[in-house]
Amino acid sequence: MKKIILLLTAGLLLTSCASKKKFKELQSNYNSLQTEYQAAQVKLAENRVTIKSLEERLADAKAENEKLSKAYAALQGSFDKNLEQGNVNIAKLVDEINASNKFIKQLVEAKDKSDSLNVVLTNNLTRSLSKEELKDVDVQVLKGVVYISLADNMLYKSGDYQINDRAAETLEKIAKIINDYRDYEVLIEGNTDNVPISRENIRNNWDLAALRASSVVQELQNRYGVDPKRLTAGSRGEYNPIASNDTPAGRQRNRRTQIIITPKLDEFLELIDQAPAEE
């Protein structure tokens, strides 16, 4: 009997120990699950915040996209309108360029014609002069006016206004040119350098240039029969230089007498057709 009671007591003790161990194990599992649950709750809350943020960003992106779509549509409409206007402006610009090119072409043709005319006139006016004479005679045709420039050393002695013998042959040929075109006015214009002159009865370079021009006028009138009514003597003194007075060569170029033949505009072209035949 005692044996039976001892066995029952031992069995109960063993059963009680096993239950406590199982309880502790279950309690541990519960605690672990509770911790995991709490962590899951925190994670869920974080995910909900993230989802809300993403939804807000998506809404903002949709709104921005709609705004950009409207702006693009407006820009496309403006571009189409500007493109159409641009095509009109380009066509207008092309027309203006074509008109400008046509005008430029006309100017070039006119200049070429004018240059050719000047060359012919210069050749007609200088064909009777020798190569040696042409070294001291410069002939130019500018805007219908003929300029014949004579160096002072071929006309006068230094500082003097009397015509020298060397000038006679050249002046004779120039007088022939003047007489061939009897309807044209002729201005004889004296020019000097800026070196002051000191001579009795010649006060300054104005006087010297005027006296030289007057000498040429009287030579053309008295010796070569040019009508004095066509002639004018003038002076520019030292105030119409064509070169620098700082060098001897420049001063020599400035000491000159110009014979300026001025035809009437409607008779200008006749200088070509009516030029006297070469002898």
Protein backbone atom coordinates (compact mmCIF):
# COMPACT_ATOMS: atom_id res chain seq x y z
CA MET A 1 0.00 0.00 0.00
CA LYS A 2 2.83 2.31 1.02
CA LYS A 3 4.40 1.47 -2.30
CA ILE A 4 1.35 2.51 -4.18
CA ILE A 5 1.10 5.84 -2.33
CA LEU A 6 4.78 6.56 -2.96
CA LEU A 7 4.36 5.80 -6.64
CA LEU A 8 1.34 8.10 -6.89
CA THR A 9 3.16 10.89 -5.06
CA ALA A 10 6.18 10.52 -7.31
CA GLY A 11 3.93 10.60 -10.40
CA LEU A 12 2.20 13.77 -9.24
CA LEU A 13 5.54 15.41 -8.53
CA LEU A 14 6.80 14.49 -11.99
CA THR A 15 3.58 15.73 -13.60
CA SER A 16 3.80 19.02 -11.70
CA CYS A 17 7.42 19.58 -12.78
CA ALA A 18 6.52 18.89 -16.40
CA SER A 19 3.59 21.39 -16.32
CA LYS A 20 5.75 24.16 -14.85
CA LYS A 21 8.37 23.62 -17.52
CA LYS A 22 5.72 23.66 -20.23
CA PHE A 23 4.21 26.82 -18.78
CA LYS A 24 7.50 28.57 -18.71
CA GLU A 25 8.06 27.59 -22.32
CA LEU A 26 4.63 28.86 -23.32
CA GLN A 27 5.16 32.06 -21.31
CA SER A 28 8.44 32.61 -23.14
CA ASN A 29 6.78 32.03 -26.51
CA TYR A 30 4.01 34.45 -25.60
CA ASN A 31 6.44 37.12 -24.58
CA SER A 32 8.35 36.65 -27.82
CA LEU A 33 5.15 36.85 -29.87
CA GLN A 34 4.09 39.95 -27.94
CA THR A 35 7.40 41.65 -28.79
CA GLU A 36 7.07 40.71 -32.42
CA TYR A 37 3.48 41.99 -32.47
CA GLN A 38 4.50 45.33 -31.05
CA ALA A 39 7.34 45.60 -33.59
CA ALA A 40 4.87 44.73 -36.35
CA GLN A 41 2.50 47.44 -35.08
CA VAL A 42 5.30 50.02 -35.20
CA LYS A 43 6.29 48.89 -38.69
CA LEU A 44 2.67 49.08 -39.83
CA ALA A 45 2.36 52.62 -38.50
CA GLU A 46 5.55 53.60 -40.31
CA ASN A 47 4.27 52.03 -43.53
CA ARG A 48 1.01 53.91 -43.21
CA VAL A 49 2.93 57.21 -42.87
CA THR A 50 5.05 56.31 -45.90
CA ILE A 51 1.98 55.36 -47.92
CA LYS A 52 0.31 58.65 -47.04
CA SER A 53 3.44 60.58 -48.04
CA LEU A 54 3.61 58.71 -51.33
CA GLU A 55 -0.06 59.38 -51.99
CA GLU A 56 0.47 63.09 -51.36
CA ARG A 57 3.50 63.12 -53.64
CA LEU A 58 1.51 61.27 -56.31
CA ALA A 59 -1.28 63.83 -56.04
CA ASP A 60 1.24 66.67 -56.32
CA ALA A 61 2.86 64.97 -59.33
CA LYS A 62 -0.51 64.57 -61.02
CA ALA A 63 -1.31 68.25 -60.42
CA GLU A 64 2.09 69.32 -61.76
CA ASN A 65 1.64 67.06 -64.76
CA GLU A 66 -1.73 68.62 -65.51
CA LYS A 67 -0.20 72.09 -65.16
CA LEU A 68 2.65 71.18 -67.52
CA SER A 69 0.19 69.66 -69.99
CA LYS A 70 -1.77 72.92 -70.09
CA ALA A 71 1.44 74.94 -70.45
CA TYR A 72 2.61 72.65 -73.26
CA ALA A 73 -0.72 73.00 -75.06
CA ALA A 74 -0.51 76.80 -74.76
CA LEU A 75 3.11 76.78 -75.93
CA GLN A 76 2.27 74.54 -78.87
CA GLY A 77 -0.52 76.90 -79.88
CA SER A 78 1.81 79.90 -79.55
CA PHE A 79 4.52 78.07 -81.49
CA ASP A 80 2.13 77.23 -84.33
CA LYS A 81 0.97 80.86 -84.43
CA ASN A 82 4.52 82.20 -84.32
CA LEU A 83 5.62 79.67 -86.93
CA GLU A 84 2.90 80.89 -89.25
CA GLN A 85 3.83 84.52 -88.55
CA GLY A 86 7.51 83.61 -88.87
CA ASN A 87 6.91 82.14 -92.30
CA VAL A 88 5.23 85.40 -93.31
CA ASN A 89 8.13 87.43 -91.88
CA ILE A 90 10.71 85.20 -93.59
CA ALA A 91 8.93 85.59 -96.91
CA LYS A 92 8.86 89.36 -96.38
CA LEU A 93 12.55 89.36 -95.43
CA VAL A 94 13.42 87.34 -98.53
CA ASP A 95 11.57 89.90 -100.67
CA GLU A 96 13.46 92.74 -98.98
CA ILE A 97 16.79 90.95 -99.49
CA ASN A 98 16.00 90.38 -103.16
CA ALA A 99 15.05 94.03 -103.57
CA SER A 100 18.24 95.08 -101.79
CA ASN A 101 20.35 92.79 -103.97
CA LYS A 102 18.69 94.23 -107.07
CA PHE A 103 19.45 97.76 -105.87
CA ILE A 104 23.06 96.84 -105.09
CA LYS A 105 23.38 95.29 -108.54
CA GLN A 106 22.08 98.49 -110.09
CA LEU A 107 24.55 100.54 -108.06
CA VAL A 108 27.43 98.27 -109.12
CA GLU A 109 26.36 98.51 -112.76
CA ALA A 110 26.07 102.28 -112.47
CA LYS A 111 29.50 102.49 -110.83
CA ASP A 112 31.02 100.24 -113.48
CA LYS A 113 29.45 102.40 -116.18
CA SER A 114 30.67 105.54 -114.44
CA ASP A 115 34.17 104.11 -114.03
CA SER A 116 34.23 103.09 -117.69
CA LEU A 117 33.04 106.54 -118.70
CA ASN A 118 35.73 108.19 -116.59
CA VAL A 119 38.40 105.96 -118.16
CA VAL A 120 37.23 106.85 -121.68
CA LEU A 121 37.10 110.56 -120.87
CA THR A 122 40.54 110.46 -119.27
CA ASN A 123 41.97 108.67 -122.30
CA ASN A 124 40.36 111.20 -124.66
CA LEU A 125 41.70 114.13 -122.67
CA THR A 126 45.24 112.82 -122.26
CA ARG A 127 45.86 111.07 -125.57
CA SER A 128 47.75 114.06 -126.98
CA LEU A 129 50.14 114.23 -123.99
CA SER A 130 53.47 112.43 -124.05
CA LYS A 131 54.60 110.01 -121.37
CA GLU A 132 57.01 112.62 -120.06
CA GLU A 133 54.24 115.22 -119.87
CA LEU A 134 51.94 112.76 -118.12
CA LYS A 135 54.49 112.55 -115.27
CA ASP A 136 53.67 116.16 -114.40
CA VAL A 137 50.01 116.16 -115.52
CA ASP A 138 47.30 114.32 -113.62
CA VAL A 139 43.87 114.03 -115.28
CA GLN A 140 40.83 112.79 -113.36
CA VAL A 141 37.11 112.77 -114.08
CA LEU A 142 34.97 112.94 -110.93
CA LYS A 143 31.17 113.25 -111.06
CA GLY A 144 31.19 114.82 -114.50
CA VAL A 145 33.95 117.30 -113.72
CA VAL A 146 37.36 117.10 -115.39
CA TYR A 147 40.36 117.92 -113.20
CA ILE A 148 43.71 118.54 -114.94
CA SER A 149 46.41 119.04 -112.32
CA LEU A 150 49.76 120.52 -113.40
CA ALA A 151 52.86 120.39 -111.18
CA ASP A 152 54.33 123.80 -110.41
CA ASN A 153 57.83 122.79 -111.53
CA MET A 154 56.59 122.30 -115.08
CA LEU A 155 54.87 125.71 -115.17
CA TYR A 156 56.89 128.14 -113.05
CA LYS A 157 60.26 128.75 -111.53
CA SER A 158 60.48 128.09 -107.78
CA GLY A 159 58.68 130.80 -105.82
CA ASP A 160 57.66 132.59 -109.04
CA TYR A 161 54.42 132.93 -110.98
CA GLN A 162 55.69 133.60 -114.52
CA ILE A 163 55.12 130.78 -117.03
CA ASN A 164 58.39 129.13 -118.15
CA ASP A 165 59.23 127.93 -121.64
CA ARG A 166 58.90 124.27 -120.66
CA ALA A 167 55.17 124.73 -120.03
CA ALA A 168 54.38 126.12 -123.48
CA GLU A 169 53.96 122.82 -125.32
CA THR A 170 51.83 121.25 -122.57
CA LEU A 171 49.60 124.32 -122.20
CA GLU A 172 49.12 124.35 -125.97
CA LYS A 173 47.73 120.80 -125.85
CA ILE A 174 45.52 121.61 -122.88
CA ALA A 175 44.27 124.72 -124.69
CA LYS A 176 43.33 122.48 -127.63
CA ILE A 177 41.30 120.29 -125.27
CA ILE A 178 39.55 123.37 -123.85
CA ASN A 179 38.83 124.77 -127.31
CA ASP A 180 37.47 121.44 -128.52
CA TYR A 181 34.73 121.69 -125.88
CA ARG A 182 33.70 125.33 -126.20
CA ASP A 183 30.52 125.16 -124.11
CA TYR A 184 32.30 124.18 -120.90
CA GLU A 185 33.36 126.55 -118.16
CA VAL A 186 37.03 126.47 -117.13
CA LEU A 187 38.37 127.30 -113.67
CA ILE A 188 42.11 127.74 -113.18
CA GLU A 189 42.88 127.14 -109.51
CA GLY A 190 46.25 127.82 -107.86
CA ASN A 191 47.50 125.73 -104.91
CA THR A 192 50.69 125.96 -102.82
CA ASP A 193 52.40 124.16 -99.96
CA ASN A 194 52.44 125.69 -96.45
CA VAL A 195 55.94 127.16 -96.63
CA PRO A 196 55.61 130.98 -96.17
CA ILE A 197 56.78 133.11 -99.07
CA SER A 198 58.68 136.35 -98.65
CA ARG A 199 58.81 138.40 -101.84
CA GLU A 200 58.07 141.98 -102.74
CA ASN A 201 54.44 142.48 -103.80
CA ILE A 202 53.55 138.87 -102.79
CA ARG A 203 52.12 138.92 -99.28
CA ASN A 204 51.48 135.21 -98.75
CA ASN A 205 50.58 131.92 -100.44
CA TRP A 206 47.11 133.21 -101.27
CA ASP A 207 48.69 135.85 -103.47
CA LEU A 208 51.19 133.44 -105.03
CA ALA A 209 48.48 130.89 -105.92
CA ALA A 210 46.23 133.62 -107.35
CA LEU A 211 49.07 135.10 -109.44
CA ARG A 212 49.95 131.66 -110.82
CA ALA A 213 46.32 130.98 -111.76
CA SER A 214 46.10 134.39 -113.38
CA SER A 215 49.28 133.72 -115.38
CA VAL A 216 47.83 130.47 -116.78
CA VAL A 217 44.51 132.20 -117.62
CA GLN A 218 46.29 134.96 -119.51
CA GLU A 219 48.55 132.45 -121.30
CA LEU A 220 45.51 130.44 -122.45
CA GLN A 221 43.74 133.64 -123.55
CA ASN A 222 46.54 135.58 -125.17
CA ARG A 223 48.66 132.82 -126.65
CA TYR A 224 46.21 130.01 -127.39
CA GLY A 225 42.97 131.87 -128.11
CA VAL A 226 40.75 130.50 -125.32
CA ASP A 227 37.68 132.69 -124.85
CA PRO A 228 38.28 134.69 -121.63
CA LYS A 229 34.54 134.62 -120.87
CA ARG A 230 34.91 130.89 -120.16
CA LEU A 231 37.90 131.35 -117.87
CA THR A 232 38.03 131.98 -114.10
CA ALA A 233 41.21 132.43 -112.06
CA GLY A 234 41.03 131.29 -108.46
CA SER A 235 43.28 130.63 -105.46
CA ARG A 236 43.12 127.97 -102.74
CA GLY A 237 46.48 128.99 -101.30
CA GLU A 238 47.92 126.35 -98.98
CA TYR A 239 44.50 125.22 -97.74
CA ASN A 240 43.66 122.47 -100.20
CA PRO A 241 46.55 120.00 -99.78
CA ILE A 242 46.45 116.56 -101.36
CA ALA A 243 49.49 115.30 -99.43
CA SER A 244 51.30 115.98 -96.17
CA ASN A 245 53.42 119.11 -96.03
CA ASP A 246 55.82 117.37 -93.65
CA THR A 247 57.95 115.92 -96.46
CA PRO A 248 59.53 117.45 -99.58
CA ALA A 249 57.63 115.01 -101.81
CA GLY A 250 54.33 115.95 -100.17
CA ARG A 251 54.99 119.68 -100.51
CA GLN A 252 55.87 119.19 -104.16
CA ARG A 253 52.52 117.47 -104.80
CA ASN A 254 50.67 120.31 -103.08
CA ARG A 255 52.33 122.94 -105.28
CA ARG A 256 50.08 122.57 -108.32
CA THR A 257 47.72 124.38 -110.64
CA GLN A 258 44.41 122.73 -111.42
CA ILE A 259 42.44 123.29 -114.60
CA ILE A 260 38.84 122.33 -113.83
CA ILE A 261 36.54 121.81 -116.81
CA THR A 262 32.86 121.72 -115.87
CA PRO A 263 30.49 120.51 -118.59
CA LYS A 264 26.73 120.81 -118.41
CA LEU A 265 25.13 117.60 -117.22
CA ASP A 266 23.19 116.96 -120.45
CA GLU A 267 26.38 117.45 -122.46
CA PHE A 268 28.61 115.27 -120.31
CA LEU A 269 28.15 112.08 -122.32
CA GLU A 270 28.99 113.94 -125.51
CA LEU A 271 32.61 114.04 -124.39
CA ILE A 272 32.79 110.45 -125.57
CA ASP A 273 30.89 110.68 -128.83
CA GLN A 274 32.18 114.08 -129.89
CA ALA A 275 35.81 113.70 -128.83
CA PRO A 276 38.01 115.07 -131.62
CA ALA A 277 39.68 112.53 -133.88
CA GLU A 278 43.28 111.77 -133.08
CA GLU A 279 45.63 113.56 -135.40
